[in-house]
PDB file of N, CA and C in Angstrom:
ATOM      1  N   MET A   1      27.185 -18.893   2.412  1.00  0.00           N
ATOM      2  CA  MET A   1      27.490 -17.690   1.463  1.00  0.00           C
ATOM      3  C   MET A   1      28.635 -16.928   2.115  1.00  0.00           C
ATOM      4  N   ALA A   2      29.596 -16.575   1.166  1.00  0.00           N
ATOM      5  CA  ALA A   2      30.709 -15.690   1.653  1.00  0.00           C
ATOM      6  C   ALA A   2      30.318 -14.395   1.660  1.00  0.00           C
ATOM      7  N   ARG A   3      30.877 -13.644   2.580  1.00  0.00           N
ATOM      8  CA  ARG A   3      30.735 -12.196   2.638  1.00  0.00           C
ATOM      9  C   ARG A   3      31.722 -11.529   1.758  1.00  0.00           C
ATOM     10  N   GLY A   4      31.205 -10.462   1.140  1.00  0.00           N
ATOM     11  CA  GLY A   4      32.007  -9.727   0.250  1.00  0.00           C
ATOM     12  C   GLY A   4      32.994  -8.723   1.031  1.00  0.00           C
ATOM     13  N   ARG A   5      34.084  -8.418   0.365  1.00  0.00           N
ATOM     14  CA  ARG A   5      35.045  -7.706   1.190  1.00  0.00           C
ATOM     15  C   ARG A   5      34.567  -6.188   1.307  1.00  0.00           C
ATOM     16  N   GLY A   6      33.779  -5.659   0.434  1.00  0.00           N
ATOM     17  CA  GLY A   6      33.238  -4.273   0.727  1.00  0.00           C
ATOM     18  C   GLY A   6      32.209  -4.057   1.718  1.00  0.00           C
ATOM     19  N   ARG A   7      31.502  -5.190   1.980  1.00  0.00           N
ATOM     20  CA  ARG A   7      30.294  -5.053   2.942  1.00  0.00           C
ATOM     21  C   ARG A   7      30.408  -6.151   4.051  1.00  0.00           C
ATOM     22  N   PRO A   8      31.216  -6.062   4.959  1.00  0.00           N
ATOM     23  CA  PRO A   8      31.367  -6.977   6.022  1.00  0.00           C
ATOM     24  C   PRO A   8      30.169  -7.398   6.862  1.00  0.00           C
ATOM     25  N   PHE A   9      29.134  -6.371   6.963  1.00  0.00           N
ATOM     26  CA  PHE A   9      28.039  -6.621   7.869  1.00  0.00           C
ATOM     27  C   PHE A   9      26.903  -6.902   7.018  1.00  0.00           C
ATOM     28  N   ALA A  10      27.045  -7.035   5.779  1.00  0.00           N
ATOM     29  CA  ALA A  10      25.853  -7.103   4.885  1.00  0.00           C
ATOM     30  C   ALA A  10      24.933  -8.524   5.231  1.00  0.00           C
ATOM     31  N   THR A  11      25.640  -9.597   5.229  1.00  0.00           N
ATOM     32  CA  THR A  11      25.026 -10.866   5.532  1.00  0.00           C
ATOM     33  C   THR A  11      24.820 -11.220   6.878  1.00  0.00           C
ATOM     34  N   LYS A  12      25.581 -10.684   7.898  1.00  0.00           N
ATOM     35  CA  LYS A  12      25.551 -11.001   9.102  1.00  0.00           C
ATOM     36  C   LYS A  12      24.389 -10.296   9.941  1.00  0.00           C
ATOM     37  N   HIS A  13      24.088  -8.990   9.313  1.00  0.00           N
ATOM     38  CA  HIS A  13      23.066  -8.174   9.985  1.00  0.00           C
ATOM     39  C   HIS A  13      21.808  -7.899   9.192  1.00  0.00           C
ATOM     40  N   ASN A  14      21.778  -8.478   8.023  1.00  0.00           N
ATOM     41  CA  ASN A  14      20.836  -8.337   7.086  1.00  0.00           C
ATOM     42  C   ASN A  14      20.415  -6.833   6.648  1.00  0.00           C
ATOM     43  N   GLY A  15      21.465  -6.140   6.433  1.00  0.00           N
ATOM     44  CA  GLY A  15      21.283  -4.709   5.858  1.00  0.00           C
ATOM     45  C   GLY A  15      21.279  -3.756   7.075  1.00  0.00           C
ATOM     46  N   TRP A  16      21.238  -4.062   8.272  1.00  0.00           N
ATOM     47  CA  TRP A  16      21.283  -3.121   9.325  1.00  0.00           C
ATOM     48  C   TRP A  16      22.659  -2.543   9.455  1.00  0.00           C
ATOM     49  N   THR A  17      22.663  -1.395  10.055  1.00  0.00           N
ATOM     50  CA  THR A  17      23.981  -0.897  10.520  1.00  0.00           C
ATOM     51  C   THR A  17      24.659  -1.679  11.456  1.00  0.00           C
ATOM     52  N   PRO A  18      25.918  -1.635  11.629  1.00  0.00           N
ATOM     53  CA  PRO A  18      26.548  -2.441  12.821  1.00  0.00           C
ATOM     54  C   PRO A  18      26.021  -2.321  14.105  1.00  0.00           C
ATOM     55  N   LEU A  19      25.890  -0.952  14.536  1.00  0.00           N
ATOM     56  CA  LEU A  19      25.264  -0.631  15.791  1.00  0.00           C
ATOM     57  C   LEU A  19      23.924  -1.298  16.037  1.00  0.00           C
ATOM     58  N   ALA A  20      23.009  -0.992  15.091  1.00  0.00           N
ATOM     59  CA  ALA A  20      21.566  -1.566  15.167  1.00  0.00           C
ATOM     60  C   ALA A  20      21.653  -3.012  15.323  1.00  0.00           C
ATOM     61  N   GLY A  21      22.466  -3.554  14.414  1.00  0.00           N
ATOM     62  CA  GLY A  21      22.690  -5.010  14.382  1.00  0.00           C
ATOM     63  C   GLY A  21      23.041  -5.605  15.790  1.00  0.00           C
ATOM     64  N   ALA A  22      24.119  -4.925  16.311  1.00  0.00           N
ATOM     65  CA  ALA A  22      24.664  -5.388  17.574  1.00  0.00           C
ATOM     66  C   ALA A  22      23.647  -5.277  18.682  1.00  0.00           C
ATOM     67  N   LEU A  23      22.916  -4.117  18.753  1.00  0.00           N
ATOM     68  CA  LEU A  23      21.993  -3.924  19.936  1.00  0.00           C
ATOM     69  C   LEU A  23      20.735  -4.881  19.697  1.00  0.00           C
ATOM     70  N   GLY A  24      20.291  -5.105  18.466  1.00  0.00           N
ATOM     71  CA  GLY A  24      19.188  -6.028  18.269  1.00  0.00           C
ATOM     72  C   GLY A  24      19.662  -7.458  18.545  1.00  0.00           C
ATOM     73  N   ILE A  25      20.859  -7.791  18.182  1.00  0.00           N
ATOM     74  CA  ILE A  25      21.338  -9.167  18.708  1.00  0.00           C
ATOM     75  C   ILE A  25      21.522  -9.341  20.196  1.00  0.00           C
ATOM     76  N   MET A  26      22.115  -8.231  20.748  1.00  0.00           N
ATOM     77  CA  MET A  26      22.463  -8.359  22.170  1.00  0.00           C
ATOM     78  C   MET A  26      21.169  -8.248  23.147  1.00  0.00           C
ATOM     79  N   PHE A  27      20.386  -7.310  22.849  1.00  0.00           N
ATOM     80  CA  PHE A  27      19.246  -7.002  23.726  1.00  0.00           C
ATOM     81  C   PHE A  27      17.820  -7.127  23.150  1.00  0.00           C
ATOM     82  N   GLY A  28      17.695  -7.555  21.920  1.00  0.00           N
ATOM     83  CA  GLY A  28      16.524  -7.685  21.354  1.00  0.00           C
ATOM     84  C   GLY A  28      15.860  -6.440  20.985  1.00  0.00           C
ATOM     85  N   TYR A  29      14.547  -6.339  21.115  1.00  0.00           N
ATOM     86  CA  TYR A  29      13.888  -5.124  20.838  1.00  0.00           C
ATOM     87  C   TYR A  29      14.095  -4.032  21.704  1.00  0.00           C
ATOM     88  N   ARG A  30      14.563  -4.399  22.952  1.00  0.00           N
ATOM     89  CA  ARG A  30      14.731  -3.361  24.022  1.00  0.00           C
ATOM     90  C   ARG A  30      16.192  -2.546  23.694  1.00  0.00           C
ATOM     91  N   GLY A  31      16.890  -3.321  22.953  1.00  0.00           N
ATOM     92  CA  GLY A  31      18.193  -2.672  22.557  1.00  0.00           C
ATOM     93  C   GLY A  31      17.906  -1.492  21.444  1.00  0.00           C
ATOM     94  N   VAL A  32      17.115  -1.975  20.619  1.00  0.00           N
ATOM     95  CA  VAL A  32      16.614  -0.848  19.502  1.00  0.00           C
ATOM     96  C   VAL A  32      15.825   0.119  20.145  1.00  0.00           C
ATOM     97  N   ILE A  33      14.991   0.036  21.141  1.00  0.00           N
ATOM     98  CA  ILE A  33      14.180   1.018  21.735  1.00  0.00           C
ATOM     99  C   ILE A  33      15.310   2.002  22.412  1.00  0.00           C
ATOM    100  N   LEU A  34      16.306   1.376  23.100  1.00  0.00           N
ATOM    101  CA  LEU A  34      17.282   2.184  23.732  1.00  0.00           C
ATOM    102  C   LEU A  34      17.982   3.097  22.782  1.00  0.00           C
ATOM    103  N   ALA A  35      18.406   2.610  21.637  1.00  0.00           N
ATOM    104  CA  ALA A  35      19.033   3.409  20.640  1.00  0.00           C
ATOM    105  C   ALA A  35      18.095   4.534  20.202  1.00  0.00           C
ATOM    106  N   LEU A  36      16.884   4.282  20.020  1.00  0.00           N
ATOM    107  CA  LEU A  36      15.840   5.301  19.606  1.00  0.00           C
ATOM    108  C   LEU A  36      15.675   6.314  20.602  1.00  0.00           C
ATOM    109  N   LEU A  37      15.511   5.937  21.816  1.00  0.00           N
ATOM    110  CA  LEU A  37      15.477   6.821  22.904  1.00  0.00           C
ATOM    111  C   LEU A  37      16.810   7.795  23.138  1.00  0.00           C
ATOM    112  N   ALA A  38      17.879   7.148  22.779  1.00  0.00           N
ATOM    113  CA  ALA A  38      19.106   8.100  22.710  1.00  0.00           C
ATOM    114  C   ALA A  38      19.141   9.029  21.634  1.00  0.00           C
ATOM    115  N   ALA A  39      18.630   8.733  20.430  1.00  0.00           N
ATOM    116  CA  ALA A  39      18.524   9.543  19.328  1.00  0.00           C
ATOM    117  C   ALA A  39      17.438  10.603  19.604  1.00  0.00           C
ATOM    118  N   LEU A  40      16.321  10.287  20.159  1.00  0.00           N
ATOM    119  CA  LEU A  40      15.409  11.280  20.595  1.00  0.00           C
ATOM    120  C   LEU A  40      15.840  12.318  21.493  1.00  0.00           C
ATOM    121  N   PHE A  41      16.629  11.782  22.547  1.00  0.00           N
ATOM    122  CA  PHE A  41      17.298  12.741  23.577  1.00  0.00           C
ATOM    123  C   PHE A  41      18.156  13.779  22.717  1.00  0.00           C
ATOM    124  N   VAL A  42      19.008  13.183  22.028  1.00  0.00           N
ATOM    125  CA  VAL A  42      19.886  14.138  21.239  1.00  0.00           C
ATOM    126  C   VAL A  42      19.222  15.139  20.414  1.00  0.00           C
ATOM    127  N   PHE A  43      18.030  14.652  19.668  1.00  0.00           N
ATOM    128  CA  PHE A  43      17.333  15.463  18.810  1.00  0.00           C
ATOM    129  C   PHE A  43      16.588  16.611  19.607  1.00  0.00           C
ATOM    130  N   VAL A  44      16.114  16.235  20.793  1.00  0.00           N
ATOM    131  CA  VAL A  44      15.480  17.328  21.591  1.00  0.00           C
ATOM    132  C   VAL A  44      16.435  18.324  22.020  1.00  0.00           C
ATOM    133  N   GLY A  45      17.672  17.818  22.502  1.00  0.00           N
ATOM    134  CA  GLY A  45      18.680  18.634  23.040  1.00  0.00           C
ATOM    135  C   GLY A  45      19.127  19.623  21.926  1.00  0.00           C
ATOM    136  N   PHE A  46      19.301  19.200  20.777  1.00  0.00           N
ATOM    137  CA  PHE A  46      19.709  19.971  19.762  1.00  0.00           C
ATOM    138  C   PHE A  46      18.801  21.150  19.579  1.00  0.00           C
ATOM    139  N   ASN A  47      17.454  20.837  19.467  1.00  0.00           N
ATOM    140  CA  ASN A  47      16.464  21.742  19.297  1.00  0.00           C
ATOM    141  C   ASN A  47      16.350  22.821  20.446  1.00  0.00           C
ATOM    142  N   VAL A  48      16.517  22.376  21.672  1.00  0.00           N
ATOM    143  CA  VAL A  48      16.478  23.337  22.776  1.00  0.00           C
ATOM    144  C   VAL A  48      17.564  24.188  22.661  1.00  0.00           C
ATOM    145  N   VAL A  49      18.737  23.819  22.356  1.00  0.00           N
ATOM    146  CA  VAL A  49      19.850  24.716  22.130  1.00  0.00           C
ATOM    147  C   VAL A  49      19.720  25.585  20.999  1.00  0.00           C
ATOM    148  N   ASN A  50      19.273  25.331  19.949  1.00  0.00           N
ATOM    149  CA  ASN A  50      18.956  26.047  18.786  1.00  0.00           C
ATOM    150  C   ASN A  50      17.979  27.286  19.059  1.00  0.00           C
ATOM    151  N   ILE A  51      16.990  26.807  19.644  1.00  0.00           N
ATOM    152  CA  ILE A  51      15.821  27.731  20.100  1.00  0.00           C
ATOM    153  C   ILE A  51      16.546  28.873  20.987  1.00  0.00           C
ATOM    154  N   MET A  52      17.356  28.346  22.022  1.00  0.00           N
ATOM    155  CA  MET A  52      17.959  29.424  22.868  1.00  0.00           C
ATOM    156  C   MET A  52      18.860  30.302  22.221  1.00  0.00           C
ATOM    157  N   LEU A  53      19.597  29.752  21.218  1.00  0.00           N
ATOM    158  CA  LEU A  53      20.547  30.620  20.441  1.00  0.00           C
ATOM    159  C   LEU A  53      19.618  31.620  19.639  1.00  0.00           C
ATOM    160  N   ILE A  54      18.517  31.165  19.011  1.00  0.00           N
ATOM    161  CA  ILE A  54      17.679  32.045  18.322  1.00  0.00           C
ATOM    162  C   ILE A  54      17.177  33.294  19.076  1.00  0.00           C
ATOM    163  N   MET A  55      16.742  32.780  20.260  1.00  0.00           N
ATOM    164  CA  MET A  55      16.119  33.752  21.191  1.00  0.00           C
ATOM    165  C   MET A  55      17.051  34.827  21.510  1.00  0.00           C
ATOM    166  N   ASP A  56      18.252  34.312  21.913  1.00  0.00           N
ATOM    167  CA  ASP A  56      19.402  35.253  22.431  1.00  0.00           C
ATOM    168  C   ASP A  56      19.704  36.206  21.250  1.00  0.00           C
ATOM    169  N   GLY A  57      19.855  35.712  20.085  1.00  0.00           N
ATOM    170  CA  GLY A  57      20.188  36.431  18.930  1.00  0.00           C
ATOM    171  C   GLY A  57      19.227  37.446  18.550  1.00  0.00           C
ATOM    172  N   MET A  58      17.945  36.999  18.604  1.00  0.00           N
ATOM    173  CA  MET A  58      16.897  38.086  18.154  1.00  0.00           C
ATOM    174  C   MET A  58      16.851  39.118  19.196  1.00  0.00           C
ATOM    175  N   LYS A  59      17.050  38.713  20.408  1.00  0.00           N
ATOM    176  CA  LYS A  59      16.912  39.730  21.563  1.00  0.00           C
ATOM    177  C   LYS A  59      18.122  40.857  21.394  1.00  0.00           C
ATOM    178  N   ASN A  60      19.362  40.306  21.270  1.00  0.00           N
ATOM    179  CA  ASN A  60      20.456  41.117  21.206  1.00  0.00           C
ATOM    180  C   ASN A  60      20.542  42.067  20.048  1.00  0.00           C
ATOM    181  N   VAL A  61      20.060  41.448  18.697  1.00  0.00           N
ATOM    182  CA  VAL A  61      20.187  42.276  17.573  1.00  0.00           C
ATOM    183  C   VAL A  61      18.974  43.183  17.326  1.00  0.00           C
ATOM    184  N   PHE A  62      17.847  42.556  17.516  1.00  0.00           N
ATOM    185  CA  PHE A  62      16.653  43.332  17.182  1.00  0.00           C
ATOM    186  C   PHE A  62      15.885  43.704  18.304  1.00  0.00           C
ATOM    187  N   GLY A  63      16.157  43.337  19.467  1.00  0.00           N
ATOM    188  CA  GLY A  63      15.374  43.794  20.772  1.00  0.00           C
ATOM    189  C   GLY A  63      13.888  43.079  20.807  1.00  0.00           C
ATOM    190  N   VAL A  64      13.798  41.907  20.197  1.00  0.00           N
ATOM    191  CA  VAL A  64      12.409  41.128  20.169  1.00  0.00           C
ATOM    192  C   VAL A  64      12.280  40.324  21.421  1.00  0.00           C
ATOM    193  N   ASP A  65      11.171  40.365  21.956  1.00  0.00           N
ATOM    194  CA  ASP A  65      10.946  39.481  23.165  1.00  0.00           C
ATOM    195  C   ASP A  65      11.338  38.091  22.946  1.00  0.00           C
ATOM    196  N   PRO A  66      12.112  37.551  23.749  1.00  0.00           N
ATOM    197  CA  PRO A  66      12.581  36.054  23.644  1.00  0.00           C
ATOM    198  C   PRO A  66      11.342  35.112  23.682  1.00  0.00           C
ATOM    199  N   THR A  67      10.357  35.506  24.450  1.00  0.00           N
ATOM    200  CA  THR A  67       9.275  34.454  24.540  1.00  0.00           C
ATOM    201  C   THR A  67       8.565  34.343  23.384  1.00  0.00           C
ATOM    202  N   LEU A  68       8.326  35.537  22.650  1.00  0.00           N
ATOM    203  CA  LEU A  68       7.607  35.492  21.304  1.00  0.00           C
ATOM    204  C   LEU A  68       8.505  34.818  20.431  1.00  0.00           C
ATOM    205  N   VAL A  69       9.780  34.850  20.401  1.00  0.00           N
ATOM    206  CA  VAL A  69      10.637  34.215  19.412  1.00  0.00           C
ATOM    207  C   VAL A  69      10.571  32.753  19.642  1.00  0.00           C
ATOM    208  N   ALA A  70      10.514  32.372  20.883  1.00  0.00           N
ATOM    209  CA  ALA A  70      10.405  30.864  21.172  1.00  0.00           C
ATOM    210  C   ALA A  70       9.167  30.192  20.751  1.00  0.00           C
ATOM    211  N   VAL A  71       8.202  30.973  20.995  1.00  0.00           N
ATOM    212  CA  VAL A  71       6.739  30.553  20.453  1.00  0.00           C
ATOM    213  C   VAL A  71       6.641  30.353  18.930  1.00  0.00           C
ATOM    214  N   ALA A  72       7.209  31.368  18.294  1.00  0.00           N
ATOM    215  CA  ALA A  72       7.197  31.396  16.853  1.00  0.00           C
ATOM    216  C   ALA A  72       8.063  30.394  16.343  1.00  0.00           C
ATOM    217  N   ALA A  73       9.258  30.129  16.814  1.00  0.00           N
ATOM    218  CA  ALA A  73      10.179  29.172  16.302  1.00  0.00           C
ATOM    219  C   ALA A  73       9.715  27.660  16.557  1.00  0.00           C
ATOM    220  N   ALA A  74       8.960  27.552  17.770  1.00  0.00           N
ATOM    221  CA  ALA A  74       8.272  26.221  17.968  1.00  0.00           C
ATOM    222  C   ALA A  74       7.178  26.041  16.954  1.00  0.00           C
ATOM    223  N   ALA A  75       6.333  27.011  16.813  1.00  0.00           N
ATOM    224  CA  ALA A  75       5.221  26.966  15.862  1.00  0.00           C
ATOM    225  C   ALA A  75       5.751  26.627  14.450  1.00  0.00           C
ATOM    226  N   ALA A  76       6.853  27.310  14.120  1.00  0.00           N
ATOM    227  CA  ALA A  76       7.251  26.979  12.691  1.00  0.00           C
ATOM    228  C   ALA A  76       7.884  25.579  12.499  1.00  0.00           C
ATOM    229  N   GLY A  77       8.406  25.090  13.700  1.00  0.00           N
ATOM    230  CA  GLY A  77       8.900  23.714  13.731  1.00  0.00           C
ATOM    231  C   GLY A  77       7.738  22.818  13.636  1.00  0.00           C
ATOM    232  N   ALA A  78       6.766  22.990  14.375  1.00  0.00           N
ATOM    233  CA  ALA A  78       5.634  22.196  14.355  1.00  0.00           C
ATOM    234  C   ALA A  78       4.840  22.038  13.027  1.00  0.00           C
ATOM    235  N   VAL A  79       4.795  23.198  12.387  1.00  0.00           N
ATOM    236  CA  VAL A  79       4.003  23.396  11.210  1.00  0.00           C
ATOM    237  C   VAL A  79       4.925  22.607   9.972  1.00  0.00           C
ATOM    238  N   SER A  80       6.231  22.765  10.073  1.00  0.00           N
ATOM    239  CA  SER A  80       7.143  22.103   9.086  1.00  0.00           C
ATOM    240  C   SER A  80       7.045  20.518   9.249  1.00  0.00           C
ATOM    241  N   MET A  81       6.859  19.981  10.441  1.00  0.00           N
ATOM    242  CA  MET A  81       6.677  18.607  10.748  1.00  0.00           C
ATOM    243  C   MET A  81       5.330  18.034  10.316  1.00  0.00           C
ATOM    244  N   ALA A  82       4.387  18.827  10.205  1.00  0.00           N
ATOM    245  CA  ALA A  82       3.176  18.255   9.912  1.00  0.00           C
ATOM    246  C   ALA A  82       2.899  17.948   8.338  1.00  0.00           C
TER     247      ALA A  82
END
């Protein structure tokens, strides 16, 4: 079956993205786990930085205790994920 010009990875990787397909082919399920762990690391990193910015902004603008802001932001995030 010939590959189409617009979708060069469609038949080779069965609909996966090129990165996921390459990791799956090269390293099996361990490669996919590696990519998922990297995504988790980036996700947690962004959330930590965002909470730090929120804490600092609320302290400087409104004088609110940063610990209270961090707990409230984490609780709001946990509730929105449930």
